[in-house]
Amino acid sequence: MKRTLAILLALSVLLTACAAVSLAEAKPVAGQKIGLTMQTLNGAYFAAQEETFKKLCEEKGIEYVTADANGDANAELANVENFIAQGCTVVVINPVHPESSVEAARKCAEAGVAVFIMDNSISPEAPYVSMIQSDNYTLGTLVGADIAAKFGTNEINLGMLSGNTGNTLGVARRMGTLAGIVEAQLEARGESKVNIVAQGWGGWNQADGQKAAEDMLTAAPETNLIFAENDDMALGAREACLAIGREDIVICGADGNKTMYGLIKEGTQMLATGRNDPAECAAKVIETIEKWSLGESVQKLVYLTPVSVSAKNIDTYYNPDSTF
């Protein structure tokens, strides 16, 4: 585990140190037409992200078009090809997969279209101007520290509820969470132990998350903690727990869904969530495109500020009237 964590930390430092991108081809944002392809709209997070993107474009008078890839790399590529045919000068990709989405970025580059990556990661070999996302590994470490504080010296039997295989965002969140637990335990008592007793794949949505959690709890009834890689799946896990009277199981997530925030505020079994606000991410994408369009230097990797939201700071972030 030490070697894995060291590699992840080294990669994070390397990415953060990337040089600014050349802006020779930039032009005023008013002259841009932006295409946005979403990896999926099956989930409140993604729907809110697209909605915010559209709203900001409309407010700023930016011409735009959006499309849903529905988790299919071929559909994503078709979306991008349609954007190019429609005269888009900028394409924003919320990647389906870090490797399979590279071809969509290359199609844009071949057509002289600038690419920006939103939220999920893409392979470094892809040609893009900037990637805007949460610092998912650090988010995980912060949630992990809250978990360690909650459990103290009590044994942790962790059920890991993941989105889909090969998703680098999910990997960063779960590895960060494990690192956060281990580091906090070592600091507190000079030893560490976390038992990973089950893993399920919840497809990033509540219904599939509930089914995966049900299967996990059947296979590993000793589970006393579930970390879900997003809040939709965490809410599904809660439904699975409530159905069998297991309100003793601590649940954590990521994203900052207002329903999750509300349950944290109420003091339920929901302990913490790593804040990855979809509206903030969409706004940062538009802001980065605007800077690029004005000829300003933009970084290859732009991170949102990582925060673990729990009872200690819930009032700062919870807005029951928010879109997401």
C-alpha atoms as a PDB file:
ATOM      1  CA  MET A   1       0.000   0.000   0.000  1.00  0.00           C
ATOM      2  CA  LYS A   2       2.878   2.394   0.814  1.00  0.00           C
ATOM      3  CA  ARG A   3       4.245   2.069  -2.740  1.00  0.00           C
ATOM      4  CA  THR A   4       0.778   2.649  -4.265  1.00  0.00           C
ATOM      5  CA  LEU A   5       0.211   5.761  -2.160  1.00  0.00           C
ATOM      6  CA  ALA A   6       3.662   7.111  -2.986  1.00  0.00           C
ATOM      7  CA  ILE A   7       3.038   6.679  -6.716  1.00  0.00           C
ATOM      8  CA  LEU A   8      -0.333   8.411  -6.496  1.00  0.00           C
ATOM      9  CA  LEU A   9       1.151  11.329  -4.578  1.00  0.00           C
ATOM     10  CA  ALA A  10       3.996  11.652  -7.075  1.00  0.00           C
ATOM     11  CA  LEU A  11       1.556  11.709  -9.974  1.00  0.00           C
ATOM     12  CA  SER A  12      -0.491  14.383  -8.230  1.00  0.00           C
ATOM     13  CA  VAL A  13       2.574  16.594  -7.804  1.00  0.00           C
ATOM     14  CA  LEU A  14       3.606  16.033 -11.425  1.00  0.00           C
ATOM     15  CA  LEU A  15       0.194  16.952 -12.770  1.00  0.00           C
ATOM     16  CA  THR A  16      -0.075  20.046 -10.609  1.00  0.00           C
ATOM     17  CA  ALA A  17       3.288  21.243 -11.881  1.00  0.00           C
ATOM     18  CA  CYS A  18       2.256  21.102 -15.540  1.00  0.00           C
ATOM     19  CA  ALA A  19       3.130  24.244 -17.494  1.00  0.00           C
ATOM     20  CA  ALA A  20       0.534  26.652 -18.838  1.00  0.00           C
ATOM     21  CA  VAL A  21      -0.911  25.936 -22.274  1.00  0.00           C
ATOM     22  CA  SER A  22      -0.079  27.981 -25.367  1.00  0.00           C
ATOM     23  CA  LEU A  23      -2.950  30.271 -26.283  1.00  0.00           C
ATOM     24  CA  ALA A  24      -2.032  31.273 -29.814  1.00  0.00           C
ATOM     25  CA  GLU A  25      -5.341  30.033 -31.250  1.00  0.00           C
ATOM     26  CA  ALA A  26      -7.560  31.686 -28.647  1.00  0.00           C
ATOM     27  CA  LYS A  27     -10.247  34.220 -29.578  1.00  0.00           C
ATOM     28  CA  PRO A  28     -12.913  36.165 -27.610  1.00  0.00           C
ATOM     29  CA  VAL A  29     -15.531  33.932 -25.980  1.00  0.00           C
ATOM     30  CA  ALA A  30     -18.305  35.804 -27.798  1.00  0.00           C
ATOM     31  CA  GLY A  31     -16.962  34.296 -30.990  1.00  0.00           C
ATOM     32  CA  GLN A  32     -16.988  30.734 -29.688  1.00  0.00           C
ATOM     33  CA  LYS A  33     -19.590  28.048 -30.094  1.00  0.00           C
ATOM     34  CA  ILE A  34     -19.232  25.450 -27.344  1.00  0.00           C
ATOM     35  CA  GLY A  35     -20.282  21.808 -27.481  1.00  0.00           C
ATOM     36  CA  LEU A  36     -20.626  19.808 -24.247  1.00  0.00           C
ATOM     37  CA  THR A  37     -20.802  16.014 -24.232  1.00  0.00           C
ATOM     38  CA  MET A  38     -21.740  14.504 -20.867  1.00  0.00           C
ATOM     39  CA  GLN A  39     -20.616  10.995 -19.958  1.00  0.00           C
ATOM     40  CA  THR A  40     -24.142  10.413 -18.642  1.00  0.00           C
ATOM     41  CA  LEU A  41     -27.190  12.282 -17.411  1.00  0.00           C
ATOM     42  CA  ASN A  42     -28.316   9.322 -15.313  1.00  0.00           C
ATOM     43  CA  GLY A  43     -27.851  10.897 -11.911  1.00  0.00           C
ATOM     44  CA  ALA A  44     -28.677  14.180 -10.191  1.00  0.00           C
ATOM     45  CA  TYR A  45     -25.040  15.279 -10.163  1.00  0.00           C
ATOM     46  CA  PHE A  46     -24.577  15.107 -13.925  1.00  0.00           C
ATOM     47  CA  ALA A  47     -27.961  16.679 -14.630  1.00  0.00           C
ATOM     48  CA  ALA A  48     -27.129  19.608 -12.333  1.00  0.00           C
ATOM     49  CA  GLN A  49     -23.736  20.035 -13.969  1.00  0.00           C
ATOM     50  CA  GLU A  50     -25.231  20.234 -17.463  1.00  0.00           C
ATOM     51  CA  GLU A  51     -28.008  22.542 -16.255  1.00  0.00           C
ATOM     52  CA  THR A  52     -25.490  24.961 -14.721  1.00  0.00           C
ATOM     53  CA  PHE A  53     -23.347  24.877 -17.856  1.00  0.00           C
ATOM     54  CA  LYS A  54     -26.347  25.769 -20.030  1.00  0.00           C
ATOM     55  CA  LYS A  55     -27.484  28.525 -17.654  1.00  0.00           C
ATOM     56  CA  LEU A  56     -24.062  30.169 -17.561  1.00  0.00           C
ATOM     57  CA  CYS A  57     -23.724  30.051 -21.344  1.00  0.00           C
ATOM     58  CA  GLU A  58     -27.123  31.687 -21.725  1.00  0.00           C
ATOM     59  CA  GLU A  59     -26.296  34.387 -19.164  1.00  0.00           C
ATOM     60  CA  LYS A  60     -23.035  35.181 -20.956  1.00  0.00           C
ATOM     61  CA  GLY A  61     -24.509  35.044 -24.458  1.00  0.00           C
ATOM     62  CA  ILE A  62     -22.396  32.048 -25.466  1.00  0.00           C
ATOM     63  CA  GLU A  63     -23.752  29.813 -28.209  1.00  0.00           C
ATOM     64  CA  TYR A  64     -23.783  26.189 -27.067  1.00  0.00           C
ATOM     65  CA  VAL A  65     -25.060  22.675 -27.743  1.00  0.00           C
ATOM     66  CA  THR A  66     -25.065  19.662 -25.394  1.00  0.00           C
ATOM     67  CA  ALA A  67     -25.440  15.906 -25.770  1.00  0.00           C
ATOM     68  CA  ASP A  68     -25.550  12.800 -23.568  1.00  0.00           C
ATOM     69  CA  ALA A  69     -23.115   9.936 -24.267  1.00  0.00           C
ATOM     70  CA  ASN A  70     -25.067   7.658 -21.907  1.00  0.00           C
ATOM     71  CA  GLY A  71     -21.872   5.909 -20.804  1.00  0.00           C
ATOM     72  CA  ASP A  72     -20.950   4.878 -24.363  1.00  0.00           C
ATOM     73  CA  ALA A  73     -17.590   5.953 -25.844  1.00  0.00           C
ATOM     74  CA  ASN A  74     -18.921   5.470 -29.389  1.00  0.00           C
ATOM     75  CA  ALA A  75     -21.837   7.786 -28.639  1.00  0.00           C
ATOM     76  CA  GLU A  76     -19.389  10.278 -27.140  1.00  0.00           C
ATOM     77  CA  LEU A  77     -17.331  10.221 -30.341  1.00  0.00           C
ATOM     78  CA  ALA A  78     -20.492  10.692 -32.423  1.00  0.00           C
ATOM     79  CA  ASN A  79     -21.462  13.675 -30.230  1.00  0.00           C
ATOM     80  CA  VAL A  80     -18.083  15.287 -30.837  1.00  0.00           C
ATOM     81  CA  GLU A  81     -18.271  14.676 -34.586  1.00  0.00           C
ATOM     82  CA  ASN A  82     -21.709  16.328 -34.606  1.00  0.00           C
ATOM     83  CA  PHE A  83     -20.336  19.311 -32.679  1.00  0.00           C
ATOM     84  CA  ILE A  84     -17.543  19.735 -35.225  1.00  0.00           C
ATOM     85  CA  ALA A  85     -20.042  19.511 -38.090  1.00  0.00           C
ATOM     86  CA  GLN A  86     -22.169  22.177 -36.375  1.00  0.00           C
ATOM     87  CA  GLY A  87     -19.215  24.564 -36.256  1.00  0.00           C
ATOM     88  CA  CYS A  88     -18.255  24.355 -32.602  1.00  0.00           C
ATOM     89  CA  THR A  89     -14.918  26.014 -31.915  1.00  0.00           C
ATOM     90  CA  VAL A  90     -14.652  24.640 -28.374  1.00  0.00           C
ATOM     91  CA  VAL A  91     -15.682  21.208 -27.091  1.00  0.00           C
ATOM     92  CA  VAL A  92     -16.049  20.308 -23.426  1.00  0.00           C
ATOM     93  CA  ILE A  93     -15.794  16.580 -22.714  1.00  0.00           C
ATOM     94  CA  ASN A  94     -17.036  14.990 -19.514  1.00  0.00           C
ATOM     95  CA  PRO A  95     -15.212  11.750 -20.368  1.00  0.00           C
ATOM     96  CA  VAL A  96     -16.865   8.351 -20.437  1.00  0.00           C
ATOM     97  CA  HIS A  97     -13.486   6.663 -19.866  1.00  0.00           C
ATOM     98  CA  PRO A  98      -9.926   8.031 -19.547  1.00  0.00           C
ATOM     99  CA  GLU A  99      -8.614   5.911 -22.426  1.00  0.00           C
ATOM    100  CA  SER A 100     -11.558   5.445 -24.785  1.00  0.00           C
ATOM    101  CA  SER A 101     -12.375   9.169 -24.685  1.00  0.00           C
ATOM    102  CA  VAL A 102      -8.960  10.067 -26.147  1.00  0.00           C
ATOM    103  CA  GLU A 103     -10.236   9.457 -29.692  1.00  0.00           C
ATOM    104  CA  ALA A 104     -12.958  12.086 -29.225  1.00  0.00           C
ATOM    105  CA  ALA A 105     -10.346  14.629 -28.130  1.00  0.00           C
ATOM    106  CA  ARG A 106      -8.149  13.741 -31.098  1.00  0.00           C
ATOM    107  CA  LYS A 107     -11.030  14.275 -33.513  1.00  0.00           C
ATOM    108  CA  CYS A 108     -11.389  17.784 -32.145  1.00  0.00           C
ATOM    109  CA  ALA A 109      -7.665  18.500 -32.439  1.00  0.00           C
ATOM    110  CA  GLU A 110      -7.650  17.334 -36.051  1.00  0.00           C
ATOM    111  CA  ALA A 111     -10.459  19.789 -36.783  1.00  0.00           C
ATOM    112  CA  GLY A 112      -8.728  22.668 -34.972  1.00  0.00           C
ATOM    113  CA  VAL A 113     -11.250  22.613 -32.136  1.00  0.00           C
ATOM    114  CA  ALA A 114     -10.050  23.393 -28.589  1.00  0.00           C
ATOM    115  CA  VAL A 115     -10.854  20.744 -25.976  1.00  0.00           C
ATOM    116  CA  PHE A 116     -11.542  21.264 -22.267  1.00  0.00           C
ATOM    117  CA  ILE A 117     -12.069  18.328 -19.901  1.00  0.00           C
ATOM    118  CA  MET A 118     -14.719  18.635 -17.189  1.00  0.00           C
ATOM    119  CA  ASP A 119     -14.902  16.688 -13.943  1.00  0.00           C
ATOM    120  CA  ASN A 120     -13.717  13.218 -14.915  1.00  0.00           C
ATOM    121  CA  SER A 121     -10.143  12.486 -16.021  1.00  0.00           C
ATOM    122  CA  ILE A 122      -8.735  11.665 -19.442  1.00  0.00           C
ATOM    123  CA  SER A 123      -5.404  10.110 -20.400  1.00  0.00           C
ATOM    124  CA  PRO A 124      -2.498  12.611 -20.559  1.00  0.00           C
ATOM    125  CA  GLU A 125      -1.969  11.642 -24.203  1.00  0.00           C
ATOM    126  CA  ALA A 126      -5.239  13.339 -25.159  1.00  0.00           C
ATOM    127  CA  PRO A 127      -4.872  16.791 -26.756  1.00  0.00           C
ATOM    128  CA  TYR A 128      -6.673  19.260 -24.507  1.00  0.00           C
ATOM    129  CA  VAL A 129      -6.201  22.799 -23.248  1.00  0.00           C
ATOM    130  CA  SER A 130      -7.201  22.307 -19.614  1.00  0.00           C
ATOM    131  CA  MET A 131      -8.789  19.707 -17.323  1.00  0.00           C
ATOM    132  CA  ILE A 132     -11.021  21.092 -14.571  1.00  0.00           C
ATOM    133  CA  GLN A 133     -12.011  18.808 -11.714  1.00  0.00           C
ATOM    134  CA  SER A 134     -12.011  18.165  -7.999  1.00  0.00           C
ATOM    135  CA  ASP A 135      -8.844  17.001  -6.310  1.00  0.00           C
ATOM    136  CA  ASN A 136     -10.472  13.619  -5.780  1.00  0.00           C
ATOM    137  CA  TYR A 137      -7.552  11.970  -4.034  1.00  0.00           C
ATOM    138  CA  THR A 138      -7.330  14.756  -1.458  1.00  0.00           C
ATOM    139  CA  LEU A 139     -11.118  14.712  -1.062  1.00  0.00           C
ATOM    140  CA  GLY A 140     -10.797  11.048  -0.169  1.00  0.00           C
ATOM    141  CA  THR A 141      -8.047  11.666   2.383  1.00  0.00           C
ATOM    142  CA  LEU A 142     -10.177  14.292   4.137  1.00  0.00           C
ATOM    143  CA  VAL A 143     -13.199  11.977   4.313  1.00  0.00           C
ATOM    144  CA  GLY A 144     -10.873   9.194   5.502  1.00  0.00           C
ATOM    145  CA  ALA A 145      -9.651  11.386   8.356  1.00  0.00           C
ATOM    146  CA  ASP A 146     -13.271  11.986   9.433  1.00  0.00           C
ATOM    147  CA  ILE A 147     -13.892   8.237   9.323  1.00  0.00           C
ATOM    148  CA  ALA A 148     -10.846   7.506  11.481  1.00  0.00           C
ATOM    149  CA  ALA A 149     -11.979  10.109  14.016  1.00  0.00           C
ATOM    150  CA  LYS A 150     -15.457   8.566  14.147  1.00  0.00           C
ATOM    151  CA  PHE A 151     -14.261   5.000  14.706  1.00  0.00           C
ATOM    152  CA  GLY A 152     -11.346   5.735  17.013  1.00  0.00           C
ATOM    153  CA  THR A 153      -9.946   2.404  18.186  1.00  0.00           C
ATOM    154  CA  ASN A 154     -12.987   0.441  16.983  1.00  0.00           C
ATOM    155  CA  GLU A 155     -12.472  -2.020  14.140  1.00  0.00           C
ATOM    156  CA  ILE A 156     -13.402  -0.818  10.654  1.00  0.00           C
ATOM    157  CA  ASN A 157     -15.062  -3.334   8.320  1.00  0.00           C
ATOM    158  CA  LEU A 158     -15.362  -1.403   5.112  1.00  0.00           C
ATOM    159  CA  GLY A 159     -17.672  -2.026   2.198  1.00  0.00           C
ATOM    160  CA  MET A 160     -16.467  -0.080  -0.851  1.00  0.00           C
ATOM    161  CA  LEU A 161     -19.230   1.043  -3.215  1.00  0.00           C
ATOM    162  CA  SER A 162     -17.647   2.007  -6.542  1.00  0.00           C
ATOM    163  CA  GLY A 163     -19.010   3.562  -9.724  1.00  0.00           C
ATOM    164  CA  ASN A 164     -17.601   1.661 -12.683  1.00  0.00           C
ATOM    165  CA  THR A 165     -14.390  -0.174 -13.491  1.00  0.00           C
ATOM    166  CA  GLY A 166     -11.487   1.812 -14.906  1.00  0.00           C
ATOM    167  CA  ASN A 167     -12.821   5.175 -13.724  1.00  0.00           C
ATOM    168  CA  THR A 168      -9.854   7.210 -12.475  1.00  0.00           C
ATOM    169  CA  LEU A 169     -12.077   9.538 -10.442  1.00  0.00           C
ATOM    170  CA  GLY A 170     -13.392   6.562  -8.485  1.00  0.00           C
ATOM    171  CA  VAL A 171      -9.927   5.096  -8.020  1.00  0.00           C
ATOM    172  CA  ALA A 172      -8.617   8.407  -6.671  1.00  0.00           C
ATOM    173  CA  ARG A 173     -11.500   8.749  -4.225  1.00  0.00           C
ATOM    174  CA  ARG A 174     -11.254   5.238  -2.807  1.00  0.00           C
ATOM    175  CA  MET A 175      -7.461   5.202  -2.611  1.00  0.00           C
ATOM    176  CA  GLY A 176      -7.503   8.646  -1.025  1.00  0.00           C
ATOM    177  CA  THR A 177     -10.063   7.538   1.534  1.00  0.00           C
ATOM    178  CA  LEU A 178      -7.976   4.519   2.491  1.00  0.00           C
ATOM    179  CA  ALA A 179      -4.880   6.708   2.752  1.00  0.00           C
ATOM    180  CA  GLY A 180      -6.743   9.210   4.939  1.00  0.00           C
ATOM    181  CA  ILE A 181      -7.932   6.494   7.315  1.00  0.00           C
ATOM    182  CA  VAL A 182      -4.479   4.913   7.580  1.00  0.00           C
ATOM    183  CA  GLU A 183      -2.629   8.197   8.097  1.00  0.00           C
ATOM    184  CA  ALA A 184      -5.067   9.414  10.749  1.00  0.00           C
ATOM    185  CA  GLN A 185      -4.863   6.079  12.601  1.00  0.00           C
ATOM    186  CA  LEU A 186      -1.060   6.139  12.492  1.00  0.00           C
ATOM    187  CA  GLU A 187      -0.968   9.678  13.829  1.00  0.00           C
ATOM    188  CA  ALA A 188      -3.420   8.843  16.611  1.00  0.00           C
ATOM    189  CA  ARG A 189      -2.003   5.551  17.837  1.00  0.00           C
ATOM    190  CA  GLY A 190       0.997   4.463  15.797  1.00  0.00           C
ATOM    191  CA  GLU A 191      -0.786   1.574  14.096  1.00  0.00           C
ATOM    192  CA  SER A 192      -3.462   1.066  11.498  1.00  0.00           C
ATOM    193  CA  LYS A 193      -5.980  -1.535  10.461  1.00  0.00           C
ATOM    194  CA  VAL A 194      -8.797  -1.348   7.910  1.00  0.00           C
ATOM    195  CA  ASN A 195     -10.630  -4.470   6.775  1.00  0.00           C
ATOM    196  CA  ILE A 196     -12.057  -4.197   3.258  1.00  0.00           C
ATOM    197  CA  VAL A 197     -14.772  -6.826   3.500  1.00  0.00           C
ATOM    198  CA  ALA A 198     -16.704  -6.188   0.269  1.00  0.00           C
ATOM    199  CA  GLN A 199     -16.851  -4.131  -2.909  1.00  0.00           C
ATOM    200  CA  GLY A 200     -19.797  -3.470  -5.206  1.00  0.00           C
ATOM    201  CA  TRP A 201     -20.324  -1.564  -8.459  1.00  0.00           C
ATOM    202  CA  GLY A 202     -23.195   0.892  -8.253  1.00  0.00           C
ATOM    203  CA  GLY A 203     -23.052   2.652 -11.625  1.00  0.00           C
ATOM    204  CA  TRP A 204     -22.973   6.123 -10.014  1.00  0.00           C
ATOM    205  CA  ASN A 205     -26.755   6.148  -9.438  1.00  0.00           C
ATOM    206  CA  GLN A 206     -29.006   5.500  -6.462  1.00  0.00           C
ATOM    207  CA  ALA A 207     -30.949   2.498  -7.737  1.00  0.00           C
ATOM    208  CA  ASP A 208     -27.874   0.516  -8.788  1.00  0.00           C
ATOM    209  CA  GLY A 209     -26.065   1.678  -5.660  1.00  0.00           C
ATOM    210  CA  GLN A 210     -28.865   0.281  -3.514  1.00  0.00           C
ATOM    211  CA  LYS A 211     -28.744  -3.077  -5.297  1.00  0.00           C
ATOM    212  CA  ALA A 212     -24.956  -3.283  -4.996  1.00  0.00           C
ATOM    213  CA  ALA A 213     -25.140  -2.397  -1.302  1.00  0.00           C
ATOM    214  CA  GLU A 214     -27.790  -5.075  -0.720  1.00  0.00           C
ATOM    215  CA  ASP A 215     -25.501  -7.666  -2.284  1.00  0.00           C
ATOM    216  CA  MET A 216     -22.534  -6.444  -0.243  1.00  0.00           C
ATOM    217  CA  LEU A 217     -24.428  -6.590   3.036  1.00  0.00           C
ATOM    218  CA  THR A 218     -25.654 -10.084   2.271  1.00  0.00           C
ATOM    219  CA  ALA A 219     -22.110 -11.241   1.503  1.00  0.00           C
ATOM    220  CA  ALA A 220     -20.484  -9.360   4.391  1.00  0.00           C
ATOM    221  CA  PRO A 221     -22.942  -8.675   7.236  1.00  0.00           C
ATOM    222  CA  GLU A 222     -20.027  -7.613   9.456  1.00  0.00           C
ATOM    223  CA  THR A 223     -19.801  -4.375   7.434  1.00  0.00           C
ATOM    224  CA  ASN A 224     -19.934  -1.332   9.701  1.00  0.00           C
ATOM    225  CA  LEU A 225     -18.815   1.304   7.193  1.00  0.00           C
ATOM    226  CA  ILE A 226     -19.751   1.964   3.576  1.00  0.00           C
ATOM    227  CA  PHE A 227     -17.790   4.448   1.503  1.00  0.00           C
ATOM    228  CA  ALA A 228     -19.563   5.259  -1.735  1.00  0.00           C
ATOM    229  CA  GLU A 229     -17.683   7.048  -4.489  1.00  0.00           C
ATOM    230  CA  ASN A 230     -20.595   9.431  -4.986  1.00  0.00           C
ATOM    231  CA  ASP A 231     -23.611  10.557  -2.984  1.00  0.00           C
ATOM    232  CA  ASP A 232     -26.233   8.988  -5.252  1.00  0.00           C
ATOM    233  CA  MET A 233     -24.781   5.563  -4.450  1.00  0.00           C
ATOM    234  CA  ALA A 234     -24.432   6.533  -0.772  1.00  0.00           C
ATOM    235  CA  LEU A 235     -28.143   7.327  -0.670  1.00  0.00           C
ATOM    236  CA  GLY A 236     -28.849   3.974  -2.294  1.00  0.00           C
ATOM    237  CA  ALA A 237     -26.696   2.305   0.357  1.00  0.00           C
ATOM    238  CA  ARG A 238     -28.729   4.009   3.066  1.00  0.00           C
ATOM    239  CA  GLU A 239     -31.943   2.602   1.600  1.00  0.00           C
ATOM    240  CA  ALA A 240     -30.383  -0.861   1.614  1.00  0.00           C
ATOM    241  CA  CYS A 241     -29.361  -0.425   5.256  1.00  0.00           C
ATOM    242  CA  LEU A 242     -32.749   0.894   6.369  1.00  0.00           C
ATOM    243  CA  ALA A 243     -34.517  -2.023   4.664  1.00  0.00           C
ATOM    244  CA  ILE A 244     -32.746  -4.492   6.960  1.00  0.00           C
ATOM    245  CA  GLY A 245     -32.636  -2.329  10.077  1.00  0.00           C
ATOM    246  CA  ARG A 246     -28.902  -1.555   9.860  1.00  0.00           C
ATOM    247  CA  GLU A 247     -28.839   2.082  10.885  1.00  0.00           C
ATOM    248  CA  ASP A 248     -25.652   1.290  12.788  1.00  0.00           C
ATOM    249  CA  ILE A 249     -23.638   1.253   9.554  1.00  0.00           C
ATOM    250  CA  VAL A 250     -21.739   4.498   8.970  1.00  0.00           C
ATOM    251  CA  ILE A 251     -22.037   5.818   5.400  1.00  0.00           C
ATOM    252  CA  CYS A 252     -19.819   8.327   3.604  1.00  0.00           C
ATOM    253  CA  GLY A 253     -19.923   9.627   0.055  1.00  0.00           C
ATOM    254  CA  ALA A 254     -18.649  12.305  -2.276  1.00  0.00           C
ATOM    255  CA  ASP A 255     -20.041  15.217  -4.335  1.00  0.00           C
ATOM    256  CA  GLY A 256     -22.193  17.168  -1.878  1.00  0.00           C
ATOM    257  CA  ASN A 257     -25.762  16.246  -2.823  1.00  0.00           C
ATOM    258  CA  LYS A 258     -28.169  18.453  -0.844  1.00  0.00           C
ATOM    259  CA  THR A 259     -30.064  15.347   0.301  1.00  0.00           C
ATOM    260  CA  MET A 260     -26.801  13.976   1.685  1.00  0.00           C
ATOM    261  CA  TYR A 261     -26.101  17.319   3.339  1.00  0.00           C
ATOM    262  CA  GLY A 262     -29.558  17.325   4.913  1.00  0.00           C
ATOM    263  CA  LEU A 263     -29.061  13.843   6.363  1.00  0.00           C
ATOM    264  CA  ILE A 264     -25.656  14.808   7.743  1.00  0.00           C
ATOM    265  CA  LYS A 265     -27.239  17.857   9.380  1.00  0.00           C
ATOM    266  CA  GLU A 266     -29.984  15.678  10.896  1.00  0.00           C
ATOM    267  CA  GLY A 267     -27.362  13.471  12.522  1.00  0.00           C
ATOM    268  CA  THR A 268     -28.266  10.237  10.738  1.00  0.00           C
ATOM    269  CA  GLN A 269     -25.806   7.472   9.850  1.00  0.00           C
ATOM    270  CA  MET A 270     -24.448   9.672   7.059  1.00  0.00           C
ATOM    271  CA  LEU A 271     -21.103  10.850   8.430  1.00  0.00           C
ATOM    272  CA  ALA A 272     -19.377  12.895   5.708  1.00  0.00           C
ATOM    273  CA  THR A 273     -19.118  13.630   2.015  1.00  0.00           C
ATOM    274  CA  GLY A 274     -16.283  15.030  -0.076  1.00  0.00           C
ATOM    275  CA  ARG A 275     -17.497  18.269  -1.640  1.00  0.00           C
ATOM    276  CA  ASN A 276     -17.441  18.186  -5.445  1.00  0.00           C
ATOM    277  CA  ASP A 277     -20.097  20.684  -6.363  1.00  0.00           C
ATOM    278  CA  PRO A 278     -21.302  20.196  -9.969  1.00  0.00           C
ATOM    279  CA  ALA A 279     -22.306  23.836 -10.353  1.00  0.00           C
ATOM    280  CA  GLU A 280     -18.919  25.032  -9.103  1.00  0.00           C
ATOM    281  CA  CYS A 281     -17.157  22.681 -11.522  1.00  0.00           C
ATOM    282  CA  ALA A 282     -19.249  23.832 -14.503  1.00  0.00           C
ATOM    283  CA  ALA A 283     -18.678  27.463 -13.551  1.00  0.00           C
ATOM    284  CA  LYS A 284     -14.921  26.894 -13.301  1.00  0.00           C
ATOM    285  CA  VAL A 285     -14.952  25.342 -16.795  1.00  0.00           C
ATOM    286  CA  ILE A 286     -16.682  28.408 -18.251  1.00  0.00           C
ATOM    287  CA  GLU A 287     -14.310  30.694 -16.355  1.00  0.00           C
ATOM    288  CA  THR A 288     -11.289  28.798 -17.713  1.00  0.00           C
ATOM    289  CA  ILE A 289     -12.615  28.950 -21.286  1.00  0.00           C
ATOM    290  CA  GLU A 290     -13.171  32.703 -20.869  1.00  0.00           C
ATOM    291  CA  LYS A 291      -9.584  33.205 -19.676  1.00  0.00           C
ATOM    292  CA  TRP A 292      -8.250  31.156 -22.580  1.00  0.00           C
ATOM    293  CA  SER A 293     -10.432  33.097 -25.014  1.00  0.00           C
ATOM    294  CA  LEU A 294      -8.984  36.378 -23.736  1.00  0.00           C
ATOM    295  CA  GLY A 295      -5.454  35.108 -24.299  1.00  0.00           C
ATOM    296  CA  GLU A 296      -4.707  34.597 -20.611  1.00  0.00           C
ATOM    297  CA  SER A 297      -2.551  31.730 -19.396  1.00  0.00           C
ATOM    298  CA  VAL A 298      -4.515  28.732 -18.108  1.00  0.00           C
ATOM    299  CA  GLN A 299      -3.164  25.707 -16.299  1.00  0.00           C
ATOM    300  CA  LYS A 300      -3.271  22.208 -17.743  1.00  0.00           C
ATOM    301  CA  LEU A 301      -4.908  21.008 -14.516  1.00  0.00           C
ATOM    302  CA  VAL A 302      -7.313  23.159 -12.495  1.00  0.00           C
ATOM    303  CA  TYR A 303      -8.507  21.849  -9.134  1.00  0.00           C
ATOM    304  CA  LEU A 304     -11.521  22.885  -7.073  1.00  0.00           C
ATOM    305  CA  THR A 305     -10.843  23.361  -3.358  1.00  0.00           C
ATOM    306  CA  PRO A 306     -11.206  19.984  -1.545  1.00  0.00           C
ATOM    307  CA  VAL A 307     -13.406  19.842   1.571  1.00  0.00           C
ATOM    308  CA  SER A 308     -14.915  17.015   3.624  1.00  0.00           C
ATOM    309  CA  VAL A 309     -18.359  18.126   4.787  1.00  0.00           C
ATOM    310  CA  SER A 310     -19.528  16.656   8.095  1.00  0.00           C
ATOM    311  CA  ALA A 311     -21.392  17.831  11.193  1.00  0.00           C
ATOM    312  CA  LYS A 312     -18.524  20.190  12.045  1.00  0.00           C
ATOM    313  CA  ASN A 313     -18.998  22.385   8.948  1.00  0.00           C
ATOM    314  CA  ILE A 314     -22.348  21.392   7.426  1.00  0.00           C
ATOM    315  CA  ASP A 315     -23.941  24.816   7.983  1.00  0.00           C
ATOM    316  CA  THR A 316     -21.326  26.416   5.728  1.00  0.00           C
ATOM    317  CA  TYR A 317     -22.277  24.304   2.720  1.00  0.00           C
ATOM    318  CA  TYR A 318     -25.868  23.095   3.113  1.00  0.00           C
ATOM    319  CA  ASN A 319     -28.429  24.967   1.024  1.00  0.00           C
ATOM    320  CA  PRO A 320     -31.784  23.168   0.844  1.00  0.00           C
ATOM    321  CA  ASP A 321     -32.766  25.321  -2.138  1.00  0.00           C
ATOM    322  CA  SER A 322     -29.752  24.451  -4.286  1.00  0.00           C
ATOM    323  CA  THR A 323     -30.226  22.676  -7.632  1.00  0.00           C
ATOM    324  CA  PHE A 324     -28.177  19.655  -6.590  1.00  0.00           C
END
